[in-house]
């Protein structure tokens, strides 16, 4: 499980302080919502694979897509399978 910090995934109904269930055994594909680390910073994004190019996209139009540049370190921890949101 992972706790989400921020509002970059609200369009996917993943809100600030939501808990998500992460499947580390599932291979991510283009369009998967993933928990990853970019340059050691954890994040939750939509994974877009374009040939050899990787883009991390938010589900909130206020945040631009993040194109992964050569030399940056990206580690995919797992694919988000479920989310739990508290209403209190």
PDB file of N, CA and C in Angstrom:
ATOM      1  N   UNK A   1       0.846  -1.181   0.000  1.00  0.00           N
ATOM      2  CA  UNK A   1       0.000   0.000   0.000  1.00  0.00           C
ATOM      3  C   UNK A   1       0.885   1.236   0.000  1.00  0.00           C
ATOM      4  N   UNK A   2       0.321   2.303  -0.525  1.00  0.00           N
ATOM      5  CA  UNK A   2       1.025   3.583  -0.533  1.00  0.00           C
ATOM      6  C   UNK A   2       0.022   4.678  -0.205  1.00  0.00           C
ATOM      7  N   UNK A   3       0.482   5.709   0.469  1.00  0.00           N
ATOM      8  CA  UNK A   3      -0.335   6.871   0.805  1.00  0.00           C
ATOM      9  C   UNK A   3      -0.033   7.961  -0.212  1.00  0.00           C
ATOM     10  N   UNK A   4      -1.078   8.548  -0.799  1.00  0.00           N
ATOM     11  CA  UNK A   4      -0.910   9.545  -1.852  1.00  0.00           C
ATOM     12  C   UNK A   4      -0.859  10.940  -1.248  1.00  0.00           C
ATOM     13  N   UNK A   5       0.117  11.711  -1.687  1.00  0.00           N
ATOM     14  CA  UNK A   5       0.301  13.089  -1.229  1.00  0.00           C
ATOM     15  C   UNK A   5       0.148  14.007  -2.434  1.00  0.00           C
ATOM     16  N   UNK A   6      -0.873  14.853  -2.429  1.00  0.00           N
ATOM     17  CA  UNK A   6      -1.060  15.805  -3.520  1.00  0.00           C
ATOM     18  C   UNK A   6      -2.308  15.517  -4.338  1.00  0.00           C
ATOM     19  N   UNK A   7      -2.549  16.395  -5.324  1.00  0.00           N
ATOM     20  CA  UNK A   7      -3.780  16.312  -6.114  1.00  0.00           C
ATOM     21  C   UNK A   7      -3.538  16.042  -7.599  1.00  0.00           C
ATOM     22  N   UNK A   8      -2.375  15.532  -7.940  1.00  0.00           N
ATOM     23  CA  UNK A   8      -2.052  15.348  -9.357  1.00  0.00           C
ATOM     24  C   UNK A   8      -2.814  14.196 -10.012  1.00  0.00           C
ATOM     25  N   UNK A   9      -3.482  13.359  -9.228  1.00  0.00           N
ATOM     26  CA  UNK A   9      -4.190  12.207  -9.800  1.00  0.00           C
ATOM     27  C   UNK A   9      -5.699  12.252  -9.556  1.00  0.00           C
ATOM     28  N   UNK A  10      -6.251  13.443  -9.269  1.00  0.00           N
ATOM     29  CA  UNK A  10      -7.678  13.550  -8.954  1.00  0.00           C
ATOM     30  C   UNK A  10      -8.571  13.096 -10.107  1.00  0.00           C
ATOM     31  N   UNK A  11      -8.133  13.269 -11.336  1.00  0.00           N
ATOM     32  CA  UNK A  11      -8.923  12.834 -12.489  1.00  0.00           C
ATOM     33  C   UNK A  11      -9.086  11.325 -12.562  1.00  0.00           C
ATOM     34  N   UNK A  12      -8.234  10.595 -11.872  1.00  0.00           N
ATOM     35  CA  UNK A  12      -8.325   9.134 -11.788  1.00  0.00           C
ATOM     36  C   UNK A  12      -8.976   8.717 -10.464  1.00  0.00           C
ATOM     37  N   UNK A  13      -9.574   9.685  -9.771  1.00  0.00           N
ATOM     38  CA  UNK A  13     -10.225   9.462  -8.478  1.00  0.00           C
ATOM     39  C   UNK A  13      -9.259   8.976  -7.396  1.00  0.00           C
ATOM     40  N   UNK A  14      -8.015   9.421  -7.510  1.00  0.00           N
ATOM     41  CA  UNK A  14      -7.009   9.172  -6.476  1.00  0.00           C
ATOM     42  C   UNK A  14      -6.720  10.528  -5.847  1.00  0.00           C
ATOM     43  N   UNK A  15      -7.221  10.723  -4.639  1.00  0.00           N
ATOM     44  CA  UNK A  15      -7.180  12.022  -3.985  1.00  0.00           C
ATOM     45  C   UNK A  15      -6.063  12.089  -2.945  1.00  0.00           C
ATOM     46  N   UNK A  16      -5.761  13.311  -2.511  1.00  0.00           N
ATOM     47  CA  UNK A  16      -4.781  13.520  -1.445  1.00  0.00           C
ATOM     48  C   UNK A  16      -5.174  12.689  -0.228  1.00  0.00           C
ATOM     49  N   UNK A  17      -4.213  12.021   0.353  1.00  0.00           N
ATOM     50  CA  UNK A  17      -4.382  11.155   1.524  1.00  0.00           C
ATOM     51  C   UNK A  17      -5.104   9.840   1.230  1.00  0.00           C
ATOM     52  N   UNK A  18      -5.349   9.530  -0.052  1.00  0.00           N
ATOM     53  CA  UNK A  18      -5.892   8.213  -0.392  1.00  0.00           C
ATOM     54  C   UNK A  18      -4.833   7.149  -0.143  1.00  0.00           C
ATOM     55  N   UNK A  19      -5.287   5.955   0.142  1.00  0.00           N
ATOM     56  CA  UNK A  19      -4.404   4.792   0.194  1.00  0.00           C
ATOM     57  C   UNK A  19      -4.623   4.009  -1.093  1.00  0.00           C
ATOM     58  N   UNK A  20      -3.551   3.561  -1.712  1.00  0.00           N
ATOM     59  CA  UNK A  20      -3.674   2.744  -2.912  1.00  0.00           C
ATOM     60  C   UNK A  20      -3.010   1.397  -2.669  1.00  0.00           C
ATOM     61  N   UNK A  21      -3.600   0.369  -3.259  1.00  0.00           N
ATOM     62  CA  UNK A  21      -3.041  -0.977  -3.211  1.00  0.00           C
ATOM     63  C   UNK A  21      -2.184  -1.144  -4.458  1.00  0.00           C
ATOM     64  N   UNK A  22      -0.931  -1.516  -4.251  1.00  0.00           N
ATOM     65  CA  UNK A  22       0.040  -1.610  -5.339  1.00  0.00           C
ATOM     66  C   UNK A  22       0.400  -3.075  -5.568  1.00  0.00           C
ATOM     67  N   UNK A  23       0.289  -3.511  -6.823  1.00  0.00           N
ATOM     68  CA  UNK A  23       0.659  -4.875  -7.197  1.00  0.00           C
ATOM     69  C   UNK A  23       2.062  -4.850  -7.783  1.00  0.00           C
ATOM     70  N   UNK A  24       3.024  -5.310  -7.006  1.00  0.00           N
ATOM     71  CA  UNK A  24       4.422  -5.293  -7.453  1.00  0.00           C
ATOM     72  C   UNK A  24       4.725  -6.417  -8.443  1.00  0.00           C
ATOM     73  N   UNK A  25       3.845  -7.410  -8.539  1.00  0.00           N
ATOM     74  CA  UNK A  25       4.089  -8.526  -9.451  1.00  0.00           C
ATOM     75  C   UNK A  25       3.561  -8.254 -10.861  1.00  0.00           C
ATOM     76  N   UNK A  26       2.726  -7.263 -11.002  1.00  0.00           N
ATOM     77  CA  UNK A  26       2.119  -6.954 -12.309  1.00  0.00           C
ATOM     78  C   UNK A  26       3.070  -6.092 -13.132  1.00  0.00           C
ATOM     79  N   UNK A  27       3.288  -6.471 -14.379  1.00  0.00           N
ATOM     80  CA  UNK A  27       4.159  -5.701 -15.266  1.00  0.00           C
ATOM     81  C   UNK A  27       3.396  -4.475 -15.772  1.00  0.00           C
ATOM     82  N   UNK A  28       3.947  -3.282 -15.571  1.00  0.00           N
ATOM     83  CA  UNK A  28       3.246  -2.083 -16.042  1.00  0.00           C
ATOM     84  C   UNK A  28       3.270  -2.000 -17.564  1.00  0.00           C
ATOM     85  N   UNK A  29       2.190  -1.460 -18.110  1.00  0.00           N
ATOM     86  CA  UNK A  29       2.117  -1.214 -19.545  1.00  0.00           C
ATOM     87  C   UNK A  29       1.735   0.244 -19.748  1.00  0.00           C
ATOM     88  N   UNK A  30       1.791   0.696 -20.980  1.00  0.00           N
ATOM     89  CA  UNK A  30       1.430   2.082 -21.262  1.00  0.00           C
ATOM     90  C   UNK A  30      -0.022   2.307 -20.851  1.00  0.00           C
ATOM     91  N   UNK A  31      -0.255   3.337 -20.059  1.00  0.00           N
ATOM     92  CA  UNK A  31      -1.576   3.638 -19.539  1.00  0.00           C
ATOM     93  C   UNK A  31      -1.791   3.168 -18.113  1.00  0.00           C
ATOM     94  N   UNK A  32      -0.877   2.354 -17.589  1.00  0.00           N
ATOM     95  CA  UNK A  32      -0.982   1.894 -16.199  1.00  0.00           C
ATOM     96  C   UNK A  32      -0.748   3.052 -15.235  1.00  0.00           C
ATOM     97  N   UNK A  33      -1.489   3.055 -14.142  1.00  0.00           N
ATOM     98  CA  UNK A  33      -1.199   3.972 -13.044  1.00  0.00           C
ATOM     99  C   UNK A  33      -0.173   3.269 -12.173  1.00  0.00           C
ATOM    100  N   UNK A  34       0.939   3.938 -11.938  1.00  0.00           N
ATOM    101  CA  UNK A  34       2.050   3.301 -11.228  1.00  0.00           C
ATOM    102  C   UNK A  34       2.490   4.125 -10.026  1.00  0.00           C
ATOM    103  N   UNK A  35       3.098   3.429  -9.084  1.00  0.00           N
ATOM    104  CA  UNK A  35       3.873   4.064  -8.025  1.00  0.00           C
ATOM    105  C   UNK A  35       5.323   3.895  -8.451  1.00  0.00           C
ATOM    106  N   UNK A  36       6.041   4.996  -8.484  1.00  0.00           N
ATOM    107  CA  UNK A  36       7.415   4.978  -8.987  1.00  0.00           C
ATOM    108  C   UNK A  36       8.267   5.938  -8.180  1.00  0.00           C
ATOM    109  N   UNK A  37       9.548   5.913  -8.479  1.00  0.00           N
ATOM    110  CA  UNK A  37      10.479   6.897  -7.928  1.00  0.00           C
ATOM    111  C   UNK A  37      11.236   7.490  -9.108  1.00  0.00           C
ATOM    112  N   UNK A  38      11.214   8.804  -9.195  1.00  0.00           N
ATOM    113  CA  UNK A  38      11.973   9.519 -10.215  1.00  0.00           C
ATOM    114  C   UNK A  38      13.056  10.305  -9.496  1.00  0.00           C
ATOM    115  N   UNK A  39      14.307   9.921  -9.754  1.00  0.00           N
ATOM    116  CA  UNK A  39      15.440  10.535  -9.057  1.00  0.00           C
ATOM    117  C   UNK A  39      15.233  10.484  -7.540  1.00  0.00           C
ATOM    118  N   UNK A  40      14.772   9.327  -7.061  1.00  0.00           N
ATOM    119  CA  UNK A  40      14.528   9.037  -5.638  1.00  0.00           C
ATOM    120  C   UNK A  40      13.336   9.773  -5.046  1.00  0.00           C
ATOM    121  N   UNK A  41      12.505  10.420  -5.863  1.00  0.00           N
ATOM    122  CA  UNK A  41      11.294  11.087  -5.375  1.00  0.00           C
ATOM    123  C   UNK A  41      10.088  10.202  -5.690  1.00  0.00           C
ATOM    124  N   UNK A  42       9.363   9.722  -4.663  1.00  0.00           N
ATOM    125  CA  UNK A  42       8.215   8.857  -4.928  1.00  0.00           C
ATOM    126  C   UNK A  42       7.060   9.633  -5.549  1.00  0.00           C
ATOM    127  N   UNK A  43       6.330   8.947  -6.439  1.00  0.00           N
ATOM    128  CA  UNK A  43       5.187   9.584  -7.082  1.00  0.00           C
ATOM    129  C   UNK A  43       4.209   8.552  -7.603  1.00  0.00           C
ATOM    130  N   UNK A  44       3.006   9.019  -7.879  1.00  0.00           N
ATOM    131  CA  UNK A  44       1.951   8.213  -8.485  1.00  0.00           C
ATOM    132  C   UNK A  44       1.570   8.906  -9.781  1.00  0.00           C
ATOM    133  N   UNK A  45       1.712   8.212 -10.906  1.00  0.00           N
ATOM    134  CA  UNK A  45       1.448   8.814 -12.217  1.00  0.00           C
ATOM    135  C   UNK A  45       0.942   7.759 -13.192  1.00  0.00           C
ATOM    136  N   UNK A  46       0.469   8.221 -14.334  1.00  0.00           N
ATOM    137  CA  UNK A  46       0.111   7.351 -15.447  1.00  0.00           C
ATOM    138  C   UNK A  46       1.366   7.168 -16.290  1.00  0.00           C
ATOM    139  N   UNK A  47       1.729   5.924 -16.520  1.00  0.00           N
ATOM    140  CA  UNK A  47       2.918   5.599 -17.302  1.00  0.00           C
ATOM    141  C   UNK A  47       2.558   5.583 -18.782  1.00  0.00           C
ATOM    142  N   UNK A  48       3.280   6.369 -19.581  1.00  0.00           N
ATOM    143  CA  UNK A  48       3.091   6.391 -21.031  1.00  0.00           C
ATOM    144  C   UNK A  48       4.398   5.952 -21.672  1.00  0.00           C
ATOM    145  N   UNK A  49       4.326   4.891 -22.461  1.00  0.00           N
ATOM    146  CA  UNK A  49       5.501   4.381 -23.165  1.00  0.00           C
ATOM    147  C   UNK A  49       5.354   4.707 -24.644  1.00  0.00           C
ATOM    148  N   UNK A  50       6.329   5.442 -25.186  1.00  0.00           N
ATOM    149  CA  UNK A  50       6.317   5.846 -26.591  1.00  0.00           C
ATOM    150  C   UNK A  50       7.630   5.390 -27.219  1.00  0.00           C
ATOM    151  N   UNK A  51       7.683   4.129 -27.633  1.00  0.00           N
ATOM    152  CA  UNK A  51       8.937   3.574 -28.133  1.00  0.00           C
ATOM    153  C   UNK A  51       9.943   3.499 -27.003  1.00  0.00           C
ATOM    154  N   UNK A  52      11.087   4.151 -27.178  1.00  0.00           N
ATOM    155  CA  UNK A  52      12.114   4.192 -26.125  1.00  0.00           C
ATOM    156  C   UNK A  52      11.900   5.343 -25.154  1.00  0.00           C
ATOM    157  N   UNK A  53      10.884   6.156 -25.395  1.00  0.00           N
ATOM    158  CA  UNK A  53      10.632   7.349 -24.587  1.00  0.00           C
ATOM    159  C   UNK A  53       9.575   7.043 -23.525  1.00  0.00           C
ATOM    160  N   UNK A  54       9.798   7.544 -22.305  1.00  0.00           N
ATOM    161  CA  UNK A  54       8.869   7.334 -21.191  1.00  0.00           C
ATOM    162  C   UNK A  54       8.355   8.689 -20.719  1.00  0.00           C
ATOM    163  N   UNK A  55       7.035   8.757 -20.510  1.00  0.00           N
ATOM    164  CA  UNK A  55       6.394   9.967 -19.997  1.00  0.00           C
ATOM    165  C   UNK A  55       5.575   9.573 -18.772  1.00  0.00           C
ATOM    166  N   UNK A  56       5.639  10.384 -17.735  1.00  0.00           N
ATOM    167  CA  UNK A  56       4.793  10.220 -16.558  1.00  0.00           C
ATOM    168  C   UNK A  56       3.755  11.331 -16.605  1.00  0.00           C
ATOM    169  N   UNK A  57       2.493  10.939 -16.651  1.00  0.00           N
ATOM    170  CA  UNK A  57       1.407  11.898 -16.846  1.00  0.00           C
ATOM    171  C   UNK A  57       0.525  11.949 -15.605  1.00  0.00           C
ATOM    172  N   UNK A  58       0.136  13.144 -15.221  1.00  0.00           N
ATOM    173  CA  UNK A  58      -0.804  13.330 -14.123  1.00  0.00           C
ATOM    174  C   UNK A  58      -2.225  13.167 -14.649  1.00  0.00           C
ATOM    175  N   UNK A  59      -3.160  12.933 -13.746  1.00  0.00           N
ATOM    176  CA  UNK A  59      -4.575  12.883 -14.097  1.00  0.00           C
ATOM    177  C   UNK A  59      -5.239  14.173 -13.624  1.00  0.00           C
ATOM    178  N   UNK A  60      -4.510  15.259 -13.757  1.00  0.00           N
ATOM    179  CA  UNK A  60      -4.980  16.596 -13.400  1.00  0.00           C
ATOM    180  C   UNK A  60      -4.345  17.547 -14.411  1.00  0.00           C
ATOM    181  N   UNK A  61      -5.160  18.253 -15.203  1.00  0.00           N
ATOM    182  CA  UNK A  61      -4.597  19.115 -16.249  1.00  0.00           C
ATOM    183  C   UNK A  61      -3.739  20.263 -15.721  1.00  0.00           C
ATOM    184  N   UNK A  62      -3.758  20.511 -14.425  1.00  0.00           N
ATOM    185  CA  UNK A  62      -2.923  21.573 -13.854  1.00  0.00           C
ATOM    186  C   UNK A  62      -1.445  21.187 -13.834  1.00  0.00           C
ATOM    187  N   UNK A  63      -1.157  19.899 -14.052  1.00  0.00           N
ATOM    188  CA  UNK A  63       0.223  19.411 -14.014  1.00  0.00           C
ATOM    189  C   UNK A  63       0.630  18.916 -15.397  1.00  0.00           C
ATOM    190  N   UNK A  64       1.723  19.448 -15.947  1.00  0.00           N
ATOM    191  CA  UNK A  64       2.160  19.009 -17.281  1.00  0.00           C
ATOM    192  C   UNK A  64       2.775  17.609 -17.230  1.00  0.00           C
ATOM    193  N   UNK A  65       2.763  16.908 -18.369  1.00  0.00           N
ATOM    194  CA  UNK A  65       3.435  15.605 -18.424  1.00  0.00           C
ATOM    195  C   UNK A  65       4.921  15.763 -18.132  1.00  0.00           C
ATOM    196  N   UNK A  66       5.497  14.731 -17.547  1.00  0.00           N
ATOM    197  CA  UNK A  66       6.929  14.745 -17.198  1.00  0.00           C
ATOM    198  C   UNK A  66       7.655  13.759 -18.101  1.00  0.00           C
ATOM    199  N   UNK A  67       8.405  14.280 -19.059  1.00  0.00           N
ATOM    200  CA  UNK A  67       9.190  13.454 -19.972  1.00  0.00           C
ATOM    201  C   UNK A  67      10.483  13.051 -19.264  1.00  0.00           C
ATOM    202  N   UNK A  68      10.769  11.761 -19.247  1.00  0.00           N
ATOM    203  CA  UNK A  68      11.966  11.260 -18.580  1.00  0.00           C
ATOM    204  C   UNK A  68      13.157  11.469 -19.507  1.00  0.00           C
ATOM    205  N   UNK A  69      14.156  12.151 -19.002  1.00  0.00           N
ATOM    206  CA  UNK A  69      15.335  12.495 -19.787  1.00  0.00           C
ATOM    207  C   UNK A  69      16.447  11.482 -19.567  1.00  0.00           C
ATOM    208  N   UNK A  70      17.334  11.389 -20.544  1.00  0.00           N
ATOM    209  CA  UNK A  70      18.486  10.500 -20.420  1.00  0.00           C
ATOM    210  C   UNK A  70      19.287  10.889 -19.179  1.00  0.00           C
ATOM    211  N   UNK A  71      19.680   9.898 -18.415  1.00  0.00           N
ATOM    212  CA  UNK A  71      20.448  10.148 -17.199  1.00  0.00           C
ATOM    213  C   UNK A  71      19.595  10.229 -15.947  1.00  0.00           C
ATOM    214  N   UNK A  72      18.273  10.396 -16.097  1.00  0.00           N
ATOM    215  CA  UNK A  72      17.406  10.404 -14.923  1.00  0.00           C
ATOM    216  C   UNK A  72      17.142   8.966 -14.487  1.00  0.00           C
ATOM    217  N   UNK A  73      16.928   8.799 -13.210  1.00  0.00           N
ATOM    218  CA  UNK A  73      16.718   7.469 -12.650  1.00  0.00           C
ATOM    219  C   UNK A  73      15.239   7.251 -12.356  1.00  0.00           C
ATOM    220  N   UNK A  74      14.625   6.320 -13.087  1.00  0.00           N
ATOM    221  CA  UNK A  74      13.216   5.977 -12.891  1.00  0.00           C
ATOM    222  C   UNK A  74      13.119   4.526 -12.452  1.00  0.00           C
ATOM    223  N   UNK A  75      12.427   4.310 -11.349  1.00  0.00           N
ATOM    224  CA  UNK A  75      12.201   2.964 -10.835  1.00  0.00           C
ATOM    225  C   UNK A  75      10.701   2.785 -10.627  1.00  0.00           C
ATOM    226  N   UNK A  76      10.114   1.807 -11.311  1.00  0.00           N
ATOM    227  CA  UNK A  76       8.691   1.514 -11.148  1.00  0.00           C
ATOM    228  C   UNK A  76       8.545   0.512 -10.005  1.00  0.00           C
ATOM    229  N   UNK A  77       7.811   0.896  -8.969  1.00  0.00           N
ATOM    230  CA  UNK A  77       7.623   0.030  -7.807  1.00  0.00           C
ATOM    231  C   UNK A  77       6.479  -0.953  -8.019  1.00  0.00           C
ATOM    232  N   UNK A  78       5.435  -0.527  -8.740  1.00  0.00           N
ATOM    233  CA  UNK A  78       4.302  -1.415  -8.964  1.00  0.00           C
ATOM    234  C   UNK A  78       3.141  -0.685  -9.603  1.00  0.00           C
ATOM    235  N   UNK A  79       2.110  -1.466  -9.933  1.00  0.00           N
ATOM    236  CA  UNK A  79       0.913  -0.955 -10.599  1.00  0.00           C
ATOM    237  C   UNK A  79      -0.189  -0.774  -9.557  1.00  0.00           C
ATOM    238  N   UNK A  80      -0.834   0.379  -9.585  1.00  0.00           N
ATOM    239  CA  UNK A  80      -1.947   0.657  -8.666  1.00  0.00           C
ATOM    240  C   UNK A  80      -3.147  -0.173  -9.107  1.00  0.00           C
ATOM    241  N   UNK A  81      -3.707  -0.938  -8.183  1.00  0.00           N
ATOM    242  CA  UNK A  81      -4.846  -1.814  -8.484  1.00  0.00           C
ATOM    243  C   UNK A  81      -6.144  -1.313  -7.855  1.00  0.00           C
ATOM    244  N   UNK A  82      -6.060  -0.703  -6.673  1.00  0.00           N
ATOM    245  CA  UNK A  82      -7.254  -0.252  -5.961  1.00  0.00           C
ATOM    246  C   UNK A  82      -6.913   0.999  -5.163  1.00  0.00           C
ATOM    247  N   UNK A  83      -7.947   1.777  -4.842  1.00  0.00           N
ATOM    248  CA  UNK A  83      -7.757   2.957  -4.015  1.00  0.00           C
ATOM    249  C   UNK A  83      -8.794   3.021  -2.911  1.00  0.00           C
ATOM    250  N   UNK A  84      -8.405   3.604  -1.791  1.00  0.00           N
ATOM    251  CA  UNK A  84      -9.295   3.791  -0.651  1.00  0.00           C
ATOM    252  C   UNK A  84      -9.205   5.251  -0.247  1.00  0.00           C
ATOM    253  N   UNK A  85     -10.359   5.914  -0.176  1.00  0.00           N
ATOM    254  CA  UNK A  85     -10.397   7.324   0.189  1.00  0.00           C
ATOM    255  C   UNK A  85     -11.190   7.495   1.475  1.00  0.00           C
ATOM    256  N   UNK A  86     -10.662   8.261   2.402  1.00  0.00           N
ATOM    257  CA  UNK A  86     -11.355   8.565   3.647  1.00  0.00           C
ATOM    258  C   UNK A  86     -12.155   9.850   3.460  1.00  0.00           C
ATOM    259  N   UNK A  87     -13.364   9.894   3.983  1.00  0.00           N
ATOM    260  CA  UNK A  87     -14.213  11.076   3.847  1.00  0.00           C
ATOM    261  C   UNK A  87     -14.317  11.864   5.145  1.00  0.00           C
ATOM    262  N   UNK A  88     -13.450  11.581   6.099  1.00  0.00           N
ATOM    263  CA  UNK A  88     -13.478  12.317   7.365  1.00  0.00           C
ATOM    264  C   UNK A  88     -12.425  13.374   7.390  1.00  0.00           C
TER     265      UNK A  88
END
